[in-house]
Amino acid sequence: MELPPSHQEVAASTHERHWDGIAAYCRPENEVSLGFVEGLNNKIRVIQRRAYGLRDEE
């Protein structure tokens, strides 16, 4: 019996699918505010900290 994916797994797969678009949006020529980029970076770091120690299914 397979368990449904956790919130972290869903968020990780969403970020993985949309990463190219996120990176393209943050290019300097798009003049994105540094606050937005710093906030995004902080969210990524929080996800990494919370996921520390979780095992990969592979």
N, C-alpha and C. Protein backbone atom coordinates (compact mmCIF):
# COMPACT_ATOMS: atom_id res chain seq x y z
N MET A 1 0.84 -1.18 0.00
CA MET A 1 0.00 0.00 0.00
C MET A 1 0.88 1.24 0.00
N GLU A 2 0.67 2.12 -0.94
CA GLU A 2 1.49 3.31 -1.08
C GLU A 2 0.82 4.49 -0.38
N LEU A 3 1.63 5.22 0.40
CA LEU A 3 1.12 6.39 1.11
C LEU A 3 1.05 7.58 0.16
N PRO A 4 0.11 8.49 0.39
CA PRO A 4 0.05 9.69 -0.44
C PRO A 4 1.28 10.56 -0.19
N PRO A 5 1.70 11.36 -1.17
CA PRO A 5 2.90 12.19 -0.98
C PRO A 5 2.69 13.24 0.11
N SER A 6 3.77 13.53 0.83
CA SER A 6 3.69 14.55 1.88
C SER A 6 3.72 15.94 1.25
N HIS A 7 3.46 16.95 2.06
CA HIS A 7 3.46 18.33 1.57
C HIS A 7 4.85 18.71 1.04
N GLN A 8 5.91 18.24 1.73
CA GLN A 8 7.26 18.55 1.28
C GLN A 8 7.54 17.92 -0.07
N GLU A 9 7.07 16.70 -0.28
CA GLU A 9 7.30 16.03 -1.56
C GLU A 9 6.56 16.74 -2.68
N VAL A 10 5.35 17.18 -2.41
CA VAL A 10 4.58 17.91 -3.42
C VAL A 10 5.26 19.23 -3.75
N ALA A 11 5.71 19.95 -2.73
CA ALA A 11 6.39 21.24 -2.95
C ALA A 11 7.69 21.03 -3.73
N ALA A 12 8.44 19.99 -3.37
CA ALA A 12 9.70 19.73 -4.06
C ALA A 12 9.47 19.40 -5.53
N SER A 13 8.45 18.60 -5.82
CA SER A 13 8.20 18.26 -7.22
C SER A 13 7.70 19.47 -7.99
N THR A 14 6.93 20.36 -7.34
CA THR A 14 6.48 21.58 -8.00
C THR A 14 7.66 22.48 -8.32
N HIS A 15 8.57 22.66 -7.36
CA HIS A 15 9.75 23.49 -7.61
C HIS A 15 10.61 22.88 -8.72
N GLU A 16 10.74 21.58 -8.71
CA GLU A 16 11.54 20.90 -9.72
C GLU A 16 10.97 21.12 -11.12
N ARG A 17 9.63 21.01 -11.24
CA ARG A 17 8.99 21.19 -12.54
C ARG A 17 9.08 22.63 -13.05
N HIS A 18 9.07 23.60 -12.15
CA HIS A 18 9.01 25.00 -12.55
C HIS A 18 10.33 25.74 -12.40
N TRP A 19 11.41 25.02 -12.07
CA TRP A 19 12.67 25.68 -11.77
C TRP A 19 13.20 26.51 -12.93
N ASP A 20 13.11 26.03 -14.15
CA ASP A 20 13.62 26.78 -15.30
C ASP A 20 12.91 28.13 -15.43
N GLY A 21 11.61 28.15 -15.24
CA GLY A 21 10.85 29.40 -15.30
C GLY A 21 11.21 30.34 -14.16
N ILE A 22 11.41 29.80 -12.97
CA ILE A 22 11.79 30.63 -11.82
C ILE A 22 13.15 31.26 -12.06
N ALA A 23 14.10 30.46 -12.53
CA ALA A 23 15.45 30.97 -12.80
C ALA A 23 15.43 32.02 -13.90
N ALA A 24 14.63 31.81 -14.95
CA ALA A 24 14.53 32.78 -16.04
C ALA A 24 13.92 34.09 -15.54
N TYR A 25 12.96 34.01 -14.64
CA TYR A 25 12.31 35.21 -14.10
C TYR A 25 13.27 36.05 -13.27
N CYS A 26 14.23 35.42 -12.64
CA CYS A 26 15.15 36.12 -11.74
C CYS A 26 16.38 36.68 -12.44
N ARG A 27 16.41 36.67 -13.75
CA ARG A 27 17.55 37.23 -14.48
C ARG A 27 17.61 38.74 -14.29
N PRO A 28 18.82 39.32 -14.32
CA PRO A 28 18.96 40.76 -14.09
C PRO A 28 18.18 41.64 -15.07
N GLU A 29 18.06 41.23 -16.32
CA GLU A 29 17.37 42.07 -17.29
C GLU A 29 15.86 42.18 -17.03
N ASN A 30 15.32 41.30 -16.18
CA ASN A 30 13.91 41.39 -15.82
C ASN A 30 13.67 42.36 -14.66
N GLU A 31 14.74 42.88 -14.09
CA GLU A 31 14.69 43.86 -13.01
C GLU A 31 13.79 43.41 -11.84
N VAL A 32 14.01 42.19 -11.40
CA VAL A 32 13.29 41.65 -10.25
C VAL A 32 13.92 42.24 -8.99
N SER A 33 13.10 42.62 -8.02
CA SER A 33 13.64 43.22 -6.80
C SER A 33 14.47 42.19 -6.03
N LEU A 34 15.49 42.70 -5.37
CA LEU A 34 16.36 41.82 -4.59
C LEU A 34 15.60 41.20 -3.43
N GLY A 35 14.59 41.90 -2.93
CA GLY A 35 13.78 41.35 -1.84
C GLY A 35 13.09 40.07 -2.25
N PHE A 36 12.56 40.04 -3.47
CA PHE A 36 11.91 38.83 -3.98
C PHE A 36 12.90 37.70 -4.09
N VAL A 37 14.07 37.98 -4.65
CA VAL A 37 15.09 36.94 -4.84
C VAL A 37 15.58 36.43 -3.49
N GLU A 38 15.81 37.34 -2.53
CA GLU A 38 16.24 36.93 -1.20
C GLU A 38 15.17 36.10 -0.50
N GLY A 39 13.90 36.48 -0.66
CA GLY A 39 12.82 35.71 -0.06
C GLY A 39 12.73 34.31 -0.65
N LEU A 40 12.90 34.20 -1.97
CA LEU A 40 12.90 32.90 -2.63
C LEU A 40 14.07 32.05 -2.14
N ASN A 41 15.24 32.67 -2.04
CA ASN A 41 16.41 31.96 -1.55
C ASN A 41 16.19 31.47 -0.13
N ASN A 42 15.57 32.29 0.71
CA ASN A 42 15.30 31.89 2.08
C ASN A 42 14.34 30.70 2.13
N LYS A 43 13.30 30.71 1.31
CA LYS A 43 12.35 29.60 1.28
C LYS A 43 13.05 28.31 0.85
N ILE A 44 13.95 28.39 -0.12
CA ILE A 44 14.69 27.22 -0.57
C ILE A 44 15.54 26.67 0.57
N ARG A 45 16.21 27.56 1.30
CA ARG A 45 17.05 27.13 2.43
C ARG A 45 16.22 26.47 3.53
N VAL A 46 15.03 27.01 3.80
CA VAL A 46 14.15 26.43 4.82
C VAL A 46 13.74 25.02 4.41
N ILE A 47 13.39 24.85 3.14
CA ILE A 47 13.00 23.52 2.63
C ILE A 47 14.17 22.55 2.79
N GLN A 48 15.38 23.01 2.46
CA GLN A 48 16.55 22.15 2.60
C GLN A 48 16.78 21.76 4.05
N ARG A 49 16.64 22.71 4.99
CA ARG A 49 16.83 22.41 6.41
C ARG A 49 15.80 21.41 6.91
N ARG A 50 14.54 21.61 6.51
CA ARG A 50 13.47 20.72 6.99
C ARG A 50 13.61 19.32 6.40
N ALA A 51 14.19 19.23 5.19
CA ALA A 51 14.31 17.94 4.53
C ALA A 51 15.58 17.19 4.93
N TYR A 52 16.43 17.82 5.74
CA TYR A 52 17.68 17.17 6.14
C TYR A 52 17.39 15.85 6.84
N GLY A 53 18.02 14.80 6.38
CA GLY A 53 17.87 13.50 7.00
C GLY A 53 16.80 12.63 6.38
N LEU A 54 15.95 13.20 5.52
CA LEU A 54 14.95 12.38 4.84
C LEU A 54 15.64 11.54 3.78
N ARG A 55 15.18 10.33 3.62
CA ARG A 55 15.80 9.44 2.65
C ARG A 55 15.14 9.56 1.29
N ASP A 56 15.95 9.39 0.26
CA ASP A 56 15.46 9.39 -1.11
C ASP A 56 14.87 8.01 -1.42
N GLU A 57 13.81 7.94 -2.17
CA GLU A 57 13.15 6.67 -2.47
C GLU A 57 13.93 5.84 -3.49
N GLU A 58 14.89 6.41 -4.16
CA GLU A 58 15.63 5.69 -5.21
C GLU A 58 16.52 4.62 -4.64
